[in-house]
């Protein structure tokens, strides 16, 4: 159990994990109210919706991927 807690703390340091957690919270919030997503989409002009959907999909993939490639904080006890 102690090793699991150490591993979880180590993973939480990574920006990619934090972005994935944020994405999960956003999806959970959208799923909590089935009328919320259609109301958000209604704000986007109809001609821009295909581009907006591609941009959202790309951002959902790219942000955690890019964050994983960024320098991460050092592990505790690494002596750095």
N, C-alpha and C. Protein backbone atom coordinates (compact mmCIF):
# COMPACT_ATOMS: atom_id res chain seq x y z
N UNK A 1 0.83 -1.19 0.00
CA UNK A 1 0.00 0.00 0.00
C UNK A 1 0.88 1.26 0.00
N UNK A 2 1.97 1.20 0.76
CA UNK A 2 2.87 2.35 0.82
C UNK A 2 3.50 2.63 -0.54
N UNK A 3 3.88 1.56 -1.27
CA UNK A 3 4.46 1.74 -2.60
C UNK A 3 3.45 2.35 -3.56
N UNK A 4 2.17 1.97 -3.43
CA UNK A 4 1.12 2.53 -4.27
C UNK A 4 0.99 4.03 -4.04
N UNK A 5 1.01 4.46 -2.79
CA UNK A 5 0.89 5.88 -2.47
C UNK A 5 2.09 6.66 -3.01
N UNK A 6 3.27 6.08 -2.91
CA UNK A 6 4.47 6.73 -3.44
C UNK A 6 4.34 6.88 -4.96
N UNK A 7 3.87 5.83 -5.62
CA UNK A 7 3.70 5.86 -7.08
C UNK A 7 2.65 6.90 -7.48
N UNK A 8 1.54 6.96 -6.75
CA UNK A 8 0.50 7.94 -7.07
C UNK A 8 1.01 9.37 -6.90
N UNK A 9 1.78 9.62 -5.84
CA UNK A 9 2.37 10.96 -5.66
C UNK A 9 3.34 11.29 -6.79
N UNK A 10 4.08 10.29 -7.23
CA UNK A 10 5.03 10.49 -8.31
C UNK A 10 4.29 10.80 -9.62
N UNK A 11 3.21 10.09 -9.88
CA UNK A 11 2.46 10.33 -11.11
C UNK A 11 1.79 11.71 -11.08
N UNK A 12 1.31 12.14 -9.92
CA UNK A 12 0.60 13.42 -9.83
C UNK A 12 1.53 14.60 -10.15
N UNK A 13 2.84 14.41 -10.04
CA UNK A 13 3.78 15.48 -10.39
C UNK A 13 3.74 15.80 -11.88
N UNK A 14 3.36 14.85 -12.71
CA UNK A 14 3.43 15.01 -14.16
C UNK A 14 2.29 15.91 -14.66
N UNK A 15 2.65 16.86 -15.49
CA UNK A 15 1.65 17.77 -16.05
C UNK A 15 0.64 17.02 -16.91
N UNK A 16 1.08 15.98 -17.60
CA UNK A 16 0.16 15.22 -18.45
C UNK A 16 -0.93 14.56 -17.63
N UNK A 17 -0.59 14.09 -16.45
CA UNK A 17 -1.59 13.46 -15.58
C UNK A 17 -2.56 14.51 -15.08
N UNK A 18 -2.07 15.68 -14.74
CA UNK A 18 -2.96 16.76 -14.29
C UNK A 18 -3.91 17.19 -15.40
N UNK A 19 -3.41 17.29 -16.64
CA UNK A 19 -4.28 17.65 -17.76
C UNK A 19 -5.31 16.56 -18.04
N UNK A 20 -4.91 15.31 -17.94
CA UNK A 20 -5.85 14.21 -18.13
C UNK A 20 -6.93 14.23 -17.04
N UNK A 21 -6.54 14.55 -15.81
CA UNK A 21 -7.52 14.65 -14.71
C UNK A 21 -8.49 15.79 -14.98
N UNK A 22 -7.99 16.92 -15.47
CA UNK A 22 -8.86 18.04 -15.81
C UNK A 22 -9.83 17.65 -16.92
N UNK A 23 -9.33 16.96 -17.93
CA UNK A 23 -10.20 16.48 -19.00
C UNK A 23 -11.29 15.56 -18.48
N UNK A 24 -10.93 14.69 -17.56
CA UNK A 24 -11.91 13.80 -16.95
C UNK A 24 -12.98 14.56 -16.18
N UNK A 25 -12.57 15.60 -15.47
CA UNK A 25 -13.54 16.42 -14.73
C UNK A 25 -14.49 17.15 -15.68
N UNK A 26 -13.95 17.64 -16.79
CA UNK A 26 -14.80 18.33 -17.77
C UNK A 26 -15.83 17.36 -18.37
N UNK A 27 -15.38 16.16 -18.73
CA UNK A 27 -16.31 15.17 -19.28
C UNK A 27 -17.36 14.78 -18.24
N UNK A 28 -16.95 14.59 -17.00
CA UNK A 28 -17.90 14.25 -15.94
C UNK A 28 -18.93 15.36 -15.75
N UNK A 29 -18.48 16.61 -15.81
CA UNK A 29 -19.41 17.74 -15.67
C UNK A 29 -20.39 17.79 -16.83
N UNK A 30 -19.89 17.58 -18.05
CA UNK A 30 -20.79 17.58 -19.22
C UNK A 30 -21.80 16.43 -19.15
N UNK A 31 -21.38 15.29 -18.64
CA UNK A 31 -22.28 14.14 -18.54
C UNK A 31 -23.29 14.29 -17.41
N UNK A 32 -23.00 15.16 -16.44
CA UNK A 32 -23.93 15.33 -15.31
C UNK A 32 -25.22 16.03 -15.72
N UNK A 33 -25.16 16.80 -16.80
CA UNK A 33 -26.34 17.50 -17.30
C UNK A 33 -26.42 17.26 -18.81
N UNK A 34 -27.31 16.38 -19.27
CA UNK A 34 -27.36 16.03 -20.69
C UNK A 34 -27.71 17.21 -21.61
N UNK A 35 -28.25 18.28 -21.06
CA UNK A 35 -28.60 19.42 -21.91
C UNK A 35 -27.47 20.44 -22.01
N UNK A 36 -26.41 20.24 -21.26
CA UNK A 36 -25.33 21.23 -21.23
C UNK A 36 -24.54 21.28 -22.53
N UNK A 37 -24.12 20.15 -23.04
CA UNK A 37 -23.31 20.13 -24.26
C UNK A 37 -24.06 20.72 -25.46
N UNK A 38 -25.32 20.36 -25.71
CA UNK A 38 -26.02 21.00 -26.83
C UNK A 38 -26.14 22.52 -26.66
N UNK A 39 -26.27 22.99 -25.43
CA UNK A 39 -26.34 24.44 -25.21
C UNK A 39 -25.00 25.09 -25.51
N UNK A 40 -23.90 24.43 -25.17
CA UNK A 40 -22.57 24.98 -25.47
C UNK A 40 -22.34 24.99 -26.98
N UNK A 41 -22.71 23.92 -27.66
CA UNK A 41 -22.53 23.83 -29.11
C UNK A 41 -23.38 24.89 -29.81
N UNK A 42 -24.54 25.22 -29.27
CA UNK A 42 -25.41 26.22 -29.89
C UNK A 42 -24.74 27.59 -29.96
N UNK A 43 -23.78 27.86 -29.09
CA UNK A 43 -23.06 29.14 -29.12
C UNK A 43 -22.09 29.24 -30.29
N UNK A 44 -21.67 28.11 -30.82
CA UNK A 44 -20.72 28.09 -31.93
C UNK A 44 -21.50 28.27 -33.23
N UNK A 45 -21.15 29.25 -34.06
CA UNK A 45 -21.85 29.42 -35.34
C UNK A 45 -21.79 28.13 -36.16
N UNK A 46 -22.85 27.84 -36.88
CA UNK A 46 -22.96 26.55 -37.58
C UNK A 46 -21.82 26.32 -38.58
N UNK A 47 -21.35 27.35 -39.24
CA UNK A 47 -20.26 27.19 -40.19
C UNK A 47 -18.93 26.85 -39.53
N UNK A 48 -18.80 27.18 -38.26
CA UNK A 48 -17.55 26.94 -37.53
C UNK A 48 -17.55 25.61 -36.77
N UNK A 49 -18.67 24.94 -36.70
CA UNK A 49 -18.77 23.72 -35.88
C UNK A 49 -17.83 22.61 -36.32
N UNK A 50 -17.67 22.33 -37.62
CA UNK A 50 -16.70 21.29 -37.99
C UNK A 50 -15.27 21.64 -37.55
N UNK A 51 -14.87 22.88 -37.76
CA UNK A 51 -13.53 23.31 -37.34
C UNK A 51 -13.40 23.26 -35.81
N UNK A 52 -14.44 23.68 -35.11
CA UNK A 52 -14.40 23.66 -33.64
C UNK A 52 -14.30 22.23 -33.12
N UNK A 53 -15.00 21.29 -33.77
CA UNK A 53 -14.94 19.89 -33.30
C UNK A 53 -13.55 19.31 -33.53
N UNK A 54 -12.93 19.65 -34.66
CA UNK A 54 -11.56 19.19 -34.92
C UNK A 54 -10.61 19.81 -33.91
N UNK A 55 -10.77 21.09 -33.61
CA UNK A 55 -9.89 21.77 -32.66
C UNK A 55 -10.02 21.18 -31.26
N UNK A 56 -11.24 20.89 -30.84
CA UNK A 56 -11.44 20.29 -29.50
C UNK A 56 -10.83 18.89 -29.44
N UNK A 57 -11.03 18.10 -30.48
CA UNK A 57 -10.44 16.76 -30.51
C UNK A 57 -8.92 16.80 -30.51
N UNK A 58 -8.36 17.71 -31.30
CA UNK A 58 -6.91 17.84 -31.33
C UNK A 58 -6.37 18.31 -29.98
N UNK A 59 -7.03 19.27 -29.37
CA UNK A 59 -6.59 19.77 -28.06
C UNK A 59 -6.65 18.68 -27.00
N UNK A 60 -7.71 17.86 -27.05
CA UNK A 60 -7.84 16.78 -26.06
C UNK A 60 -6.70 15.78 -26.19
N UNK A 61 -6.20 15.57 -27.41
CA UNK A 61 -5.07 14.68 -27.61
C UNK A 61 -3.74 15.39 -27.38
N UNK A 62 -3.60 16.56 -27.95
CA UNK A 62 -2.29 17.22 -28.00
C UNK A 62 -1.84 17.79 -26.65
N UNK A 63 -2.74 18.37 -25.89
CA UNK A 63 -2.31 19.02 -24.65
C UNK A 63 -1.64 18.05 -23.67
N UNK A 64 -2.24 16.89 -23.36
CA UNK A 64 -1.53 15.96 -22.48
C UNK A 64 -0.24 15.41 -23.10
N UNK A 65 -0.26 15.21 -24.43
CA UNK A 65 0.93 14.69 -25.10
C UNK A 65 2.08 15.69 -25.04
N UNK A 66 1.77 16.94 -25.34
CA UNK A 66 2.79 17.99 -25.27
C UNK A 66 3.26 18.16 -23.83
N UNK A 67 2.32 18.14 -22.89
CA UNK A 67 2.70 18.30 -21.48
C UNK A 67 3.63 17.19 -21.02
N UNK A 68 3.45 16.00 -21.55
CA UNK A 68 4.31 14.87 -21.16
C UNK A 68 5.74 15.08 -21.65
N UNK A 69 5.89 15.80 -22.76
CA UNK A 69 7.22 16.04 -23.30
C UNK A 69 7.94 17.21 -22.62
N UNK A 70 7.21 18.03 -21.88
CA UNK A 70 7.83 19.17 -21.18
C UNK A 70 8.63 18.68 -19.98
N UNK A 71 9.63 19.44 -19.56
CA UNK A 71 10.36 19.05 -18.36
C UNK A 71 9.43 18.95 -17.16
N UNK A 72 9.59 17.88 -16.43
CA UNK A 72 8.74 17.64 -15.26
C UNK A 72 9.51 17.96 -13.99
N UNK A 73 8.81 18.21 -12.89
CA UNK A 73 9.51 18.43 -11.63
C UNK A 73 10.32 17.18 -11.25
N UNK A 74 11.46 17.37 -10.59
CA UNK A 74 12.25 16.19 -10.19
C UNK A 74 11.54 15.37 -9.13
N UNK A 75 11.87 14.08 -9.10
CA UNK A 75 11.31 13.22 -8.08
C UNK A 75 11.85 13.62 -6.72
N UNK A 76 11.03 13.54 -5.68
CA UNK A 76 11.55 13.80 -4.34
C UNK A 76 12.62 12.78 -3.99
N UNK A 77 13.70 13.25 -3.44
CA UNK A 77 14.78 12.36 -3.04
C UNK A 77 15.79 12.11 -4.13
N UNK A 78 15.67 12.79 -5.28
CA UNK A 78 16.64 12.63 -6.35
C UNK A 78 17.91 13.43 -6.09
N UNK A 79 17.87 14.30 -5.09
CA UNK A 79 19.05 15.08 -4.76
C UNK A 79 19.25 16.26 -5.67
N UNK A 80 18.22 16.65 -6.40
CA UNK A 80 18.35 17.79 -7.32
C UNK A 80 17.71 19.01 -6.74
